[in-house]
Amino acid sequence: MSTVINWRKLFADTDPLQGLHQHFHNIYCLDTTAFERERLCKQHFIGTWRSLRIDILPFQITVATLAKAISKLKLGKSSPDGCTAEMYRL
């Protein structure tokens, strides 16, 4: 079931973007500069998240790669969580 929104009826022949701006202005009582600052701040955080996001697909780990990495661990040393190389070499 899909819902069709009649934007013309909802905004009474005004610009929908201006209508949404006015709607959120009324809700949050933001002046135009504060509204723009909020919008730019959200865009900045979304852009930062997208630029820092690392896709795991190019870094697929194979059993051979994992075995090679485990073989390079120093024996008799433990990590901060208490796991030793001997535990991984079982």
N, C-alpha and C. Protein backbone atom coordinates (compact mmCIF):
# COMPACT_ATOMS: atom_id res chain seq x y z
N MET A 1 0.84 -1.17 0.00
CA MET A 1 0.00 0.00 0.00
C MET A 1 0.90 1.24 0.00
N SER A 2 0.72 2.09 -0.98
CA SER A 2 1.53 3.30 -1.05
C SER A 2 0.65 4.52 -0.81
N THR A 3 1.25 5.52 -0.22
CA THR A 3 0.54 6.76 0.06
C THR A 3 1.03 7.83 -0.90
N VAL A 4 0.11 8.51 -1.52
CA VAL A 4 0.46 9.60 -2.43
C VAL A 4 0.21 10.91 -1.70
N ILE A 5 1.23 11.75 -1.68
CA ILE A 5 1.10 13.03 -1.01
C ILE A 5 0.79 14.10 -2.05
N ASN A 6 -0.28 14.82 -1.83
CA ASN A 6 -0.64 15.92 -2.71
C ASN A 6 0.06 17.18 -2.20
N TRP A 7 1.28 17.43 -2.73
CA TRP A 7 2.08 18.55 -2.24
C TRP A 7 1.40 19.89 -2.52
N ARG A 8 0.71 20.00 -3.66
CA ARG A 8 0.04 21.26 -4.00
C ARG A 8 -1.04 21.59 -2.97
N LYS A 9 -1.78 20.57 -2.55
CA LYS A 9 -2.82 20.79 -1.55
C LYS A 9 -2.20 21.07 -0.19
N LEU A 10 -1.11 20.35 0.13
CA LEU A 10 -0.47 20.50 1.42
C LEU A 10 0.13 21.89 1.60
N PHE A 11 0.76 22.41 0.55
CA PHE A 11 1.43 23.71 0.66
C PHE A 11 0.67 24.85 -0.01
N ALA A 12 -0.52 24.59 -0.52
CA ALA A 12 -1.41 25.61 -1.09
C ALA A 12 -0.68 26.49 -2.10
N ASP A 13 -0.09 25.84 -3.12
CA ASP A 13 0.58 26.53 -4.22
C ASP A 13 1.77 27.37 -3.81
N THR A 14 2.38 27.07 -2.68
CA THR A 14 3.62 27.76 -2.30
C THR A 14 4.78 26.80 -2.53
N ASP A 15 5.98 27.29 -2.41
CA ASP A 15 7.17 26.48 -2.59
C ASP A 15 7.27 25.48 -1.44
N PRO A 16 7.34 24.16 -1.73
CA PRO A 16 7.41 23.17 -0.64
C PRO A 16 8.62 23.38 0.27
N LEU A 17 9.76 23.77 -0.29
CA LEU A 17 10.94 23.99 0.52
C LEU A 17 10.71 25.13 1.51
N GLN A 18 10.10 26.20 1.04
CA GLN A 18 9.78 27.32 1.93
C GLN A 18 8.76 26.89 2.99
N GLY A 19 7.81 26.04 2.59
CA GLY A 19 6.83 25.55 3.55
C GLY A 19 7.48 24.71 4.64
N LEU A 20 8.41 23.83 4.25
CA LEU A 20 9.12 23.02 5.23
C LEU A 20 9.99 23.89 6.13
N HIS A 21 10.63 24.89 5.53
CA HIS A 21 11.45 25.81 6.32
C HIS A 21 10.59 26.50 7.38
N GLN A 22 9.44 26.96 6.97
CA GLN A 22 8.54 27.64 7.90
C GLN A 22 8.03 26.68 8.97
N HIS A 23 7.75 25.44 8.56
CA HIS A 23 7.28 24.44 9.51
C HIS A 23 8.31 24.20 10.61
N PHE A 24 9.57 23.95 10.21
CA PHE A 24 10.60 23.71 11.22
C PHE A 24 10.96 24.97 11.98
N HIS A 25 10.83 26.11 11.34
CA HIS A 25 11.05 27.37 12.05
C HIS A 25 10.02 27.52 13.17
N ASN A 26 8.77 27.17 12.86
CA ASN A 26 7.73 27.27 13.88
C ASN A 26 7.95 26.26 15.01
N ILE A 27 8.42 25.07 14.66
CA ILE A 27 8.63 24.04 15.68
C ILE A 27 9.81 24.39 16.57
N TYR A 28 10.93 24.72 15.97
CA TYR A 28 12.16 24.92 16.74
C TYR A 28 12.46 26.38 17.05
N CYS A 29 11.66 27.29 16.51
CA CYS A 29 11.85 28.73 16.72
C CYS A 29 13.27 29.16 16.35
N LEU A 30 13.76 28.64 15.26
CA LEU A 30 15.08 29.00 14.78
C LEU A 30 14.97 30.16 13.80
N ASP A 31 15.88 31.10 13.93
CA ASP A 31 15.92 32.12 12.89
C ASP A 31 16.65 31.53 11.68
N THR A 32 16.68 32.25 10.58
CA THR A 32 17.24 31.71 9.35
C THR A 32 18.71 31.36 9.50
N THR A 33 19.48 32.17 10.17
CA THR A 33 20.91 31.88 10.30
C THR A 33 21.14 30.63 11.15
N ALA A 34 20.38 30.46 12.21
CA ALA A 34 20.51 29.26 13.05
C ALA A 34 20.09 28.03 12.26
N PHE A 35 19.03 28.17 11.47
CA PHE A 35 18.56 27.07 10.64
C PHE A 35 19.65 26.65 9.67
N GLU A 36 20.30 27.62 9.02
CA GLU A 36 21.38 27.34 8.08
C GLU A 36 22.57 26.71 8.78
N ARG A 37 22.90 27.19 9.99
CA ARG A 37 24.01 26.61 10.74
C ARG A 37 23.73 25.15 11.07
N GLU A 38 22.50 24.87 11.49
CA GLU A 38 22.12 23.48 11.80
C GLU A 38 22.23 22.60 10.55
N ARG A 39 21.76 23.12 9.43
CA ARG A 39 21.80 22.36 8.18
C ARG A 39 23.24 22.09 7.76
N LEU A 40 24.09 23.12 7.82
CA LEU A 40 25.49 22.95 7.46
C LEU A 40 26.22 22.01 8.40
N CYS A 41 25.89 22.08 9.68
CA CYS A 41 26.50 21.20 10.67
C CYS A 41 26.14 19.74 10.38
N LYS A 42 24.86 19.48 10.09
CA LYS A 42 24.43 18.12 9.77
C LYS A 42 25.13 17.62 8.50
N GLN A 43 25.22 18.50 7.48
CA GLN A 43 25.89 18.11 6.24
C GLN A 43 27.37 17.80 6.50
N HIS A 44 28.00 18.57 7.37
CA HIS A 44 29.40 18.35 7.70
C HIS A 44 29.60 16.98 8.36
N PHE A 45 28.74 16.65 9.34
CA PHE A 45 28.88 15.37 10.02
C PHE A 45 28.60 14.20 9.09
N ILE A 46 27.61 14.34 8.22
CA ILE A 46 27.32 13.28 7.26
C ILE A 46 28.48 13.12 6.29
N GLY A 47 29.04 14.23 5.80
CA GLY A 47 30.19 14.17 4.90
C GLY A 47 31.40 13.56 5.57
N THR A 48 31.63 13.90 6.83
CA THR A 48 32.76 13.33 7.57
C THR A 48 32.58 11.82 7.73
N TRP A 49 31.37 11.39 8.08
CA TRP A 49 31.11 9.96 8.23
C TRP A 49 31.35 9.23 6.92
N ARG A 50 30.88 9.82 5.81
CA ARG A 50 31.07 9.16 4.51
C ARG A 50 32.54 9.09 4.13
N SER A 51 33.31 10.13 4.45
CA SER A 51 34.72 10.11 4.07
C SER A 51 35.53 9.15 4.95
N LEU A 52 35.12 8.93 6.19
CA LEU A 52 35.85 8.05 7.09
C LEU A 52 35.40 6.60 7.01
N ARG A 53 34.27 6.37 6.38
CA ARG A 53 33.72 5.03 6.29
C ARG A 53 34.65 4.14 5.48
N ILE A 54 34.94 2.98 6.01
CA ILE A 54 35.82 2.03 5.33
C ILE A 54 34.99 0.80 4.97
N ASP A 55 34.95 0.52 3.69
CA ASP A 55 34.24 -0.68 3.27
C ASP A 55 35.10 -1.89 3.57
N ILE A 56 34.50 -2.91 4.10
CA ILE A 56 35.23 -4.11 4.50
C ILE A 56 35.44 -5.04 3.30
N LEU A 57 34.69 -4.87 2.23
CA LEU A 57 34.78 -5.79 1.10
C LEU A 57 36.17 -5.88 0.48
N PRO A 58 36.89 -4.78 0.28
CA PRO A 58 38.23 -4.94 -0.32
C PRO A 58 39.22 -5.60 0.62
N PHE A 59 38.92 -5.70 1.89
CA PHE A 59 39.84 -6.25 2.87
C PHE A 59 39.38 -7.62 3.37
N GLN A 60 39.02 -8.49 2.46
CA GLN A 60 38.57 -9.81 2.87
C GLN A 60 39.76 -10.60 3.40
N ILE A 61 39.56 -11.25 4.53
CA ILE A 61 40.63 -12.00 5.19
C ILE A 61 40.46 -13.47 4.86
N THR A 62 41.53 -14.06 4.34
CA THR A 62 41.49 -15.49 4.02
C THR A 62 42.11 -16.27 5.17
N VAL A 63 41.90 -17.57 5.18
CA VAL A 63 42.46 -18.44 6.21
C VAL A 63 43.98 -18.41 6.13
N ALA A 64 44.51 -18.38 4.93
CA ALA A 64 45.96 -18.36 4.76
C ALA A 64 46.56 -17.07 5.33
N THR A 65 45.92 -15.94 5.08
CA THR A 65 46.40 -14.66 5.62
C THR A 65 46.35 -14.66 7.13
N LEU A 66 45.29 -15.20 7.70
CA LEU A 66 45.14 -15.26 9.15
C LEU A 66 46.19 -16.19 9.76
N ALA A 67 46.43 -17.34 9.15
CA ALA A 67 47.44 -18.27 9.65
C ALA A 67 48.83 -17.66 9.60
N LYS A 68 49.13 -16.92 8.54
CA LYS A 68 50.43 -16.26 8.41
C LYS A 68 50.60 -15.20 9.49
N ALA A 69 49.56 -14.43 9.78
CA ALA A 69 49.63 -13.39 10.81
C ALA A 69 49.81 -14.02 12.20
N ILE A 70 49.12 -15.12 12.47
CA ILE A 70 49.24 -15.80 13.76
C ILE A 70 50.65 -16.39 13.93
N SER A 71 51.23 -16.87 12.84
CA SER A 71 52.58 -17.45 12.94
C SER A 71 53.64 -16.39 13.26
N LYS A 72 53.35 -15.12 12.99
CA LYS A 72 54.30 -14.04 13.26
C LYS A 72 54.20 -13.51 14.69
N LEU A 73 53.20 -13.96 15.45
CA LEU A 73 53.05 -13.49 16.83
C LEU A 73 54.20 -14.01 17.70
N LYS A 74 54.67 -13.19 18.61
CA LYS A 74 55.77 -13.59 19.50
C LYS A 74 55.25 -14.52 20.59
N LEU A 75 55.98 -15.60 20.82
CA LEU A 75 55.60 -16.57 21.84
C LEU A 75 55.94 -16.02 23.22
N GLY A 76 55.13 -16.34 24.20
CA GLY A 76 55.38 -15.93 25.58
C GLY A 76 54.94 -14.51 25.90
N LYS A 77 54.41 -13.79 24.94
CA LYS A 77 53.94 -12.42 25.18
C LYS A 77 52.41 -12.45 25.19
N SER A 78 51.83 -11.61 26.02
CA SER A 78 50.38 -11.55 26.05
C SER A 78 49.92 -10.16 25.64
N SER A 79 48.73 -10.10 25.14
CA SER A 79 48.13 -8.81 24.77
C SER A 79 47.42 -8.23 26.00
N PRO A 80 46.94 -7.00 25.93
CA PRO A 80 46.26 -6.41 27.09
C PRO A 80 45.05 -7.21 27.57
N ASP A 81 44.45 -7.99 26.67
CA ASP A 81 43.29 -8.78 27.10
C ASP A 81 43.69 -10.14 27.68
N GLY A 82 45.01 -10.42 27.71
CA GLY A 82 45.49 -11.66 28.33
C GLY A 82 45.66 -12.82 27.38
N CYS A 83 45.34 -12.65 26.11
CA CYS A 83 45.50 -13.73 25.14
C CYS A 83 46.96 -13.82 24.70
N THR A 84 47.45 -15.01 24.58
CA THR A 84 48.84 -15.23 24.15
C THR A 84 48.85 -15.86 22.77
N ALA A 85 50.02 -15.84 22.13
CA ALA A 85 50.16 -16.44 20.79
C ALA A 85 49.87 -17.93 20.86
N GLU A 86 50.26 -18.57 21.97
CA GLU A 86 50.01 -20.01 22.11
C GLU A 86 48.52 -20.33 22.06
N MET A 87 47.69 -19.44 22.57
CA MET A 87 46.24 -19.68 22.54
C MET A 87 45.70 -19.70 21.11
N TYR A 88 46.28 -18.87 20.25
CA TYR A 88 45.81 -18.80 18.88
C TYR A 88 46.37 -19.91 18.01
N ARG A 89 47.47 -20.50 18.43
CA ARG A 89 48.12 -21.53 17.62
C ARG A 89 47.60 -22.93 17.87
N LEU A 90 46.51 -23.08 18.54
CA LEU A 90 45.96 -24.41 18.82
C LEU A 90 45.53 -25.12 17.58
